Amino acid sequence: MNEEETKEQDSGVELEFDLGDPPQKVWRAISIPELRERWLPSEALADPDAVTVTPGQEVRYKLRDDSPPFLESTVTFTITPNATGGTCLRIVHELTDARFDRMAGAAANSNSPPLMLAA
């Protein structure tokens, strides 16, 4: 891993890695369950099968937190060859749980103007 770039979004994180291994080897690591299990355990997956697959280029998995509130998210792995024969690996992890949208809109203090009650 030579370079890493991180971008935070409102509901997710985007990472980019420049790897020395060829795209075929990286693709195997992210797409074959036995190899993927070493770094992305099946307990973290909401579904053991990929949500979408573009062979040799992109795979997306659905994840679920293992602790309350058990939010769901997706993680997308995109690989492209780089100029040195290695691989550019892009990982985008997005919170997709519908409950997050409702929580994001309301602040804990509701941001309403204070009201005083008459005694």
Protein backbone atom coordinates (compact mmCIF):
# COMPACT_ATOMS: atom_id res chain seq x y z
CA MET A 1 0.00 0.00 0.00
CA ASN A 2 1.70 3.15 -1.14
CA GLU A 3 -0.84 5.92 -1.01
CA GLU A 4 -4.03 6.38 0.86
CA GLU A 5 -6.52 9.15 0.37
CA THR A 6 -9.55 9.57 2.60
CA LYS A 7 -12.63 11.68 1.98
CA GLU A 8 -15.46 11.93 4.45
CA GLN A 9 -18.97 12.42 3.20
CA ASP A 10 -22.17 13.14 5.11
CA SER A 11 -23.15 9.48 5.30
CA GLY A 12 -19.95 7.66 4.46
CA VAL A 13 -16.23 7.41 3.91
CA GLU A 14 -14.26 7.09 0.68
CA LEU A 15 -10.75 5.59 0.66
CA GLU A 16 -8.26 5.07 -2.16
CA PHE A 17 -5.23 2.80 -2.01
CA ASP A 18 -2.45 2.35 -4.53
CA LEU A 19 -1.42 -1.33 -4.23
CA GLY A 20 1.57 -3.10 -5.73
CA ASP A 21 -0.36 -6.30 -6.47
CA PRO A 22 -1.97 -6.89 -9.90
CA PRO A 23 -5.74 -6.30 -10.30
CA GLN A 24 -6.46 -10.04 -10.65
CA LYS A 25 -5.00 -10.76 -7.21
CA VAL A 26 -6.88 -7.87 -5.58
CA TRP A 27 -10.10 -8.96 -7.29
CA ARG A 28 -9.73 -12.45 -5.83
CA ALA A 29 -9.22 -11.00 -2.34
CA ILE A 30 -12.41 -8.94 -2.47
CA SER A 31 -14.67 -11.37 -4.33
CA ILE A 32 -13.86 -14.92 -3.16
CA PRO A 33 -15.61 -15.52 0.20
CA GLU A 34 -12.82 -17.67 1.68
CA LEU A 35 -10.23 -14.94 0.99
CA ARG A 36 -12.55 -12.04 1.88
CA GLU A 37 -13.34 -13.68 5.25
CA ARG A 38 -9.81 -12.88 6.47
CA TRP A 39 -10.44 -9.14 6.52
CA LEU A 40 -14.24 -8.75 6.12
CA PRO A 41 -15.88 -11.42 8.31
CA SER A 42 -19.24 -12.81 7.26
CA GLU A 43 -20.69 -11.71 10.63
CA ALA A 44 -20.39 -8.09 9.42
CA LEU A 45 -22.35 -8.84 6.25
CA ALA A 46 -26.13 -8.49 6.15
CA ASP A 47 -26.08 -10.92 3.22
CA PRO A 48 -23.18 -13.27 2.36
CA ASP A 49 -23.72 -12.67 -1.36
CA ALA A 50 -22.69 -9.47 -3.10
CA VAL A 51 -25.44 -6.96 -3.89
CA THR A 52 -23.90 -6.14 -7.27
CA VAL A 53 -20.89 -7.46 -9.15
CA THR A 54 -19.11 -6.19 -12.24
CA PRO A 55 -16.54 -8.98 -12.70
CA GLY A 56 -12.96 -7.82 -12.35
CA GLN A 57 -13.99 -4.21 -11.63
CA GLU A 58 -16.48 -3.66 -8.81
CA VAL A 59 -18.28 -5.53 -6.04
CA ARG A 60 -20.77 -4.18 -3.47
CA TYR A 61 -21.75 -5.78 -0.18
CA LYS A 62 -24.49 -4.96 2.31
CA LEU A 63 -23.28 -4.66 5.92
CA ARG A 64 -25.10 -4.53 9.25
CA ASP A 65 -23.71 -3.28 12.57
CA ASP A 66 -23.35 -5.96 15.23
CA SER A 67 -24.51 -3.65 18.02
CA PRO A 68 -27.60 -1.45 18.47
CA PRO A 69 -29.06 0.33 16.58
CA PHE A 70 -27.93 -2.27 13.97
CA LEU A 71 -27.67 0.26 11.12
CA GLU A 72 -27.22 -1.03 7.58
CA SER A 73 -24.69 0.23 5.07
CA THR A 74 -23.06 -0.71 1.79
CA VAL A 75 -19.40 -0.99 0.98
CA THR A 76 -18.29 -0.80 -2.65
CA PHE A 77 -14.86 -1.97 -3.80
CA THR A 78 -13.70 -0.70 -7.19
CA ILE A 79 -10.40 -1.77 -8.72
CA THR A 80 -8.54 -0.31 -11.67
CA PRO A 81 -5.03 -1.02 -12.97
CA ASN A 82 -2.45 1.65 -12.21
CA ALA A 83 0.53 2.78 -14.29
CA THR A 84 3.03 0.56 -12.44
CA GLY A 85 1.21 -2.75 -13.00
CA GLY A 86 -0.43 -2.61 -9.59
CA THR A 87 -3.95 -1.74 -8.59
CA CYS A 88 -5.86 1.33 -7.51
CA LEU A 89 -8.42 0.14 -4.92
CA ARG A 90 -11.27 2.52 -4.14
CA ILE A 91 -13.50 1.72 -1.14
CA VAL A 92 -16.73 3.64 -0.53
CA HIS A 93 -18.61 2.85 2.67
CA GLU A 94 -22.03 4.51 2.83
CA LEU A 95 -24.67 4.44 5.52
CA THR A 96 -27.87 3.47 3.72
CA ASP A 97 -30.20 2.69 6.62
CA ALA A 98 -33.49 4.61 6.25
CA ARG A 99 -33.46 5.32 9.99
CA PHE A 100 -30.30 7.40 9.52
CA ASP A 101 -32.16 9.83 7.25
CA ARG A 102 -34.75 10.44 9.93
CA MET A 103 -32.10 10.87 12.63
CA ALA A 104 -30.02 13.25 10.54
CA GLY A 105 -32.89 15.71 10.10
CA ALA A 106 -33.71 16.22 13.77
CA ALA A 107 -31.23 17.52 16.28
CA ALA A 108 -31.38 16.33 19.85
CA ASN A 109 -32.45 19.77 21.04
CA SER A 110 -34.83 20.20 18.06
CA ASN A 111 -33.32 23.64 17.34
CA SER A 112 -36.64 25.24 18.25
CA PRO A 113 -36.72 28.64 19.91
CA PRO A 114 -36.98 28.33 23.69
CA LEU A 115 -40.43 28.72 25.20
CA MET A 116 -41.06 29.84 28.72
CA LEU A 117 -43.98 28.45 30.61
CA ALA A 118 -46.18 30.69 32.69
CA ALA A 119 -46.38 29.81 36.37
